[in-house]
Protein backbone atom coordinates (compact mmCIF):
# COMPACT_ATOMS: atom_id res chain seq x y z
CA MET A 1 122.32 305.20 -17.60
CA ALA A 2 123.97 302.73 -19.97
CA ARG A 3 122.21 304.30 -22.95
CA LEU A 4 123.44 307.75 -21.96
CA LEU A 5 126.97 306.40 -21.59
CA LEU A 6 126.71 304.92 -25.07
CA LEU A 7 125.28 308.10 -26.56
CA PHE A 8 127.53 310.69 -24.94
CA VAL A 9 130.81 308.81 -24.53
CA LEU A 10 131.15 305.78 -26.76
CA VAL A 11 129.64 307.26 -29.93
CA PRO A 12 131.85 310.39 -29.94
CA LEU A 13 134.90 308.31 -29.02
CA THR A 14 134.20 305.89 -31.87
CA GLU A 15 133.61 308.82 -34.24
CA MET A 16 136.92 310.39 -33.27
CA LEU A 17 138.82 307.13 -33.76
CA LEU A 18 137.20 306.58 -37.16
CA LEU A 19 138.02 310.12 -38.30
CA ILE A 20 141.64 309.74 -37.16
CA GLU A 21 141.97 306.44 -39.03
CA ILE A 22 140.35 307.84 -42.18
CA GLY A 23 142.63 310.86 -41.93
CA ARG A 24 145.66 308.61 -41.78
CA ARG A 25 144.53 306.66 -44.83
CA ILE A 26 143.26 309.43 -47.13
CA GLY A 27 144.84 312.51 -45.59
CA THR A 28 143.68 315.35 -43.40
CA LEU A 29 142.40 317.63 -46.17
CA ALA A 30 140.46 314.83 -47.86
CA THR A 31 138.91 313.89 -44.51
CA LEU A 32 137.92 317.50 -43.84
CA GLY A 33 136.48 317.69 -47.36
CA LEU A 34 134.48 314.52 -46.72
CA ILE A 35 133.09 315.96 -43.47
CA PHE A 36 132.17 319.22 -45.23
CA PHE A 37 130.60 317.41 -48.21
CA THR A 38 128.44 315.09 -46.09
CA GLY A 39 127.31 318.03 -43.96
CA VAL A 40 126.26 320.14 -46.95
CA LEU A 41 124.66 317.20 -48.78
CA GLY A 42 122.85 316.07 -45.64
CA ALA A 43 121.52 319.56 -44.90
CA TRP A 44 120.29 319.93 -48.49
CA LEU A 45 118.59 316.50 -48.52
CA ALA A 46 117.04 317.03 -45.08
CA ARG A 47 115.67 320.44 -46.12
CA ARG A 48 114.26 319.06 -49.36
CA GLN A 49 112.61 316.07 -47.70
CA GLY A 50 111.48 318.15 -44.74
CA LEU A 51 109.64 320.56 -47.02
CA ALA A 52 107.97 317.64 -48.82
CA VAL A 53 106.85 316.15 -45.50
CA LEU A 54 105.58 319.55 -44.37
CA GLU A 55 103.38 319.65 -47.46
CA GLN A 56 102.08 316.15 -46.62
CA VAL A 57 101.24 317.32 -43.09
CA ARG A 58 99.37 320.33 -44.50
CA ALA A 59 97.47 318.20 -47.03
CA GLU A 60 96.39 315.62 -44.45
CA THR A 61 95.43 318.35 -41.99
CA ARG A 62 93.35 320.12 -44.67
CA ALA A 63 91.64 316.78 -45.37
CA GLY A 64 90.73 316.50 -41.68
CA GLN A 65 93.13 313.64 -40.99
CA VAL A 66 95.69 313.36 -38.22
CA PRO A 67 99.08 313.37 -40.00
CA ALA A 68 100.71 310.81 -37.69
CA GLY A 69 102.93 309.17 -40.34
CA PRO A 70 104.21 312.43 -41.85
CA LEU A 71 104.86 313.88 -38.38
CA ILE A 72 107.05 310.90 -37.49
CA ASP A 73 108.79 311.28 -40.85
CA GLY A 74 109.39 314.93 -40.01
CA VAL A 75 110.96 314.08 -36.66
CA LEU A 76 113.21 311.46 -38.26
CA ILE A 77 114.26 313.92 -40.97
CA LEU A 78 114.99 316.55 -38.31
CA ILE A 79 117.15 314.05 -36.43
CA ALA A 80 118.87 313.12 -39.71
CA GLY A 81 119.66 316.77 -40.41
CA ALA A 82 121.04 317.28 -36.92
CA VAL A 83 123.37 314.29 -37.02
CA LEU A 84 124.46 314.98 -40.61
CA ILE A 85 125.77 318.43 -39.76
CA THR A 86 127.68 316.92 -36.84
CA PRO A 87 131.12 315.64 -37.93
CA GLY A 88 131.34 311.87 -37.84
CA ILE A 89 131.08 308.72 -39.87
CA LEU A 90 128.63 306.65 -37.82
CA THR A 91 126.30 309.60 -37.31
CA ASP A 92 126.43 310.37 -41.04
CA VAL A 93 125.51 306.78 -41.90
CA PHE A 94 122.60 306.92 -39.44
CA GLY A 95 121.52 310.32 -40.77
CA PHE A 96 121.58 309.24 -44.41
CA LEU A 97 119.64 306.09 -43.49
CA CYS A 98 116.95 308.27 -41.91
CA LEU A 99 116.64 310.09 -45.23
CA VAL A 100 115.88 306.90 -47.17
CA PRO A 101 112.07 306.50 -47.17
CA ALA A 102 112.18 302.67 -47.04
CA VAL A 103 114.56 302.70 -44.06
CA ARG A 104 112.51 305.46 -42.41
CA ALA A 105 109.45 303.19 -42.72
CA VAL A 106 111.29 300.50 -40.74
CA PHE A 107 112.22 303.06 -38.05
CA LYS A 108 108.59 304.27 -37.95
CA LYS A 109 107.30 300.72 -37.51
CA TRP A 110 109.79 300.09 -34.70
CA LEU A 111 108.86 303.37 -32.98
CA ARG A 112 105.13 302.65 -33.33
CA GLU A 113 105.53 299.16 -31.84
CA ARG A 114 107.61 300.54 -28.99
CA PHE A 115 105.01 303.25 -28.29
CA GLU A 116 102.18 300.68 -28.35
CA ARG A 117 104.05 298.50 -25.82
CA ALA A 118 104.56 301.52 -23.56
CA VAL A 119 100.84 302.39 -23.75
CA THR A 120 99.89 298.75 -23.08
CA ARG A 121 102.16 298.63 -20.00
CA GLY A 122 100.69 301.88 -18.73
CA GLU A 123 104.02 303.71 -19.06
CA VAL A 124 102.46 306.22 -21.47
CA HIS A 125 99.00 307.76 -21.33
CA VAL A 126 97.59 309.64 -24.28
CA SER A 127 95.55 312.66 -23.20
CA VAL A 128 94.15 315.69 -24.98
CA GLY A 129 92.59 318.93 -23.87
CA PRO A 130 93.19 322.62 -24.47
CA SER A 131 93.14 323.56 -20.80
CA GLY A 132 92.09 322.27 -17.45
CA PRO A 133 91.95 318.56 -16.68
CA MET A 134 92.98 316.33 -19.54
CA ARG A 135 90.88 313.38 -20.55
CA ASP A 136 92.43 310.02 -21.34
CA VAL A 137 92.03 309.15 -25.02
CA THR A 138 94.19 306.04 -25.06
CA PRO A 139 92.60 303.85 -27.76
CA ARG A 140 90.96 300.80 -26.24
CA GLU A 141 89.45 297.64 -27.67
CA PRO A 142 86.06 296.46 -26.40
CA GLY A 143 86.80 294.85 -23.05
CA GLY A 144 89.33 297.49 -22.00
CA ASP A 145 92.48 296.29 -23.78
CA VAL A 146 94.64 298.96 -25.39
CA ALA A 147 94.03 299.03 -29.15
CA LYS A 148 96.82 298.72 -31.71
CA LEU A 149 97.61 302.10 -33.29
CA ASP A 150 97.57 302.40 -37.07
CA ASP A 151 98.93 305.35 -39.00
CA GLY A 152 97.93 303.85 -42.34
CA GLN A 153 101.55 303.02 -43.21
CA SER A 154 101.48 299.28 -42.38
């Protein structure tokens, strides 16, 4: 509940206060221009990087590999595009950070570690199957422990 409060109340409130303060310092038109510029630039960068990641996904799929790393990149780029077209300073900073490959690698590592902990605790089960009962394919070490996941990016 606290995370939802932060996401849906405190972030927009902070964004609004920042935009008002920036507007007072540089003017309303300059602030609107800044919002427009970051939205257009962010959409262009997200599209460009998204298409590059899509090609990586296709190449890895053609090679018979699971494109785990590029898929996570794609999700982060999608999130970046969404927050960059939303007016705000904090969301723009977060969005632009998601478009920097080195920063995205840090986010990917954090997400992977968080996912591994959830699998280890039994909060997440990985299953596959086209229809009918699914079979558990959670990677396990000999002895039954959940294996560490590796997308080749470490």
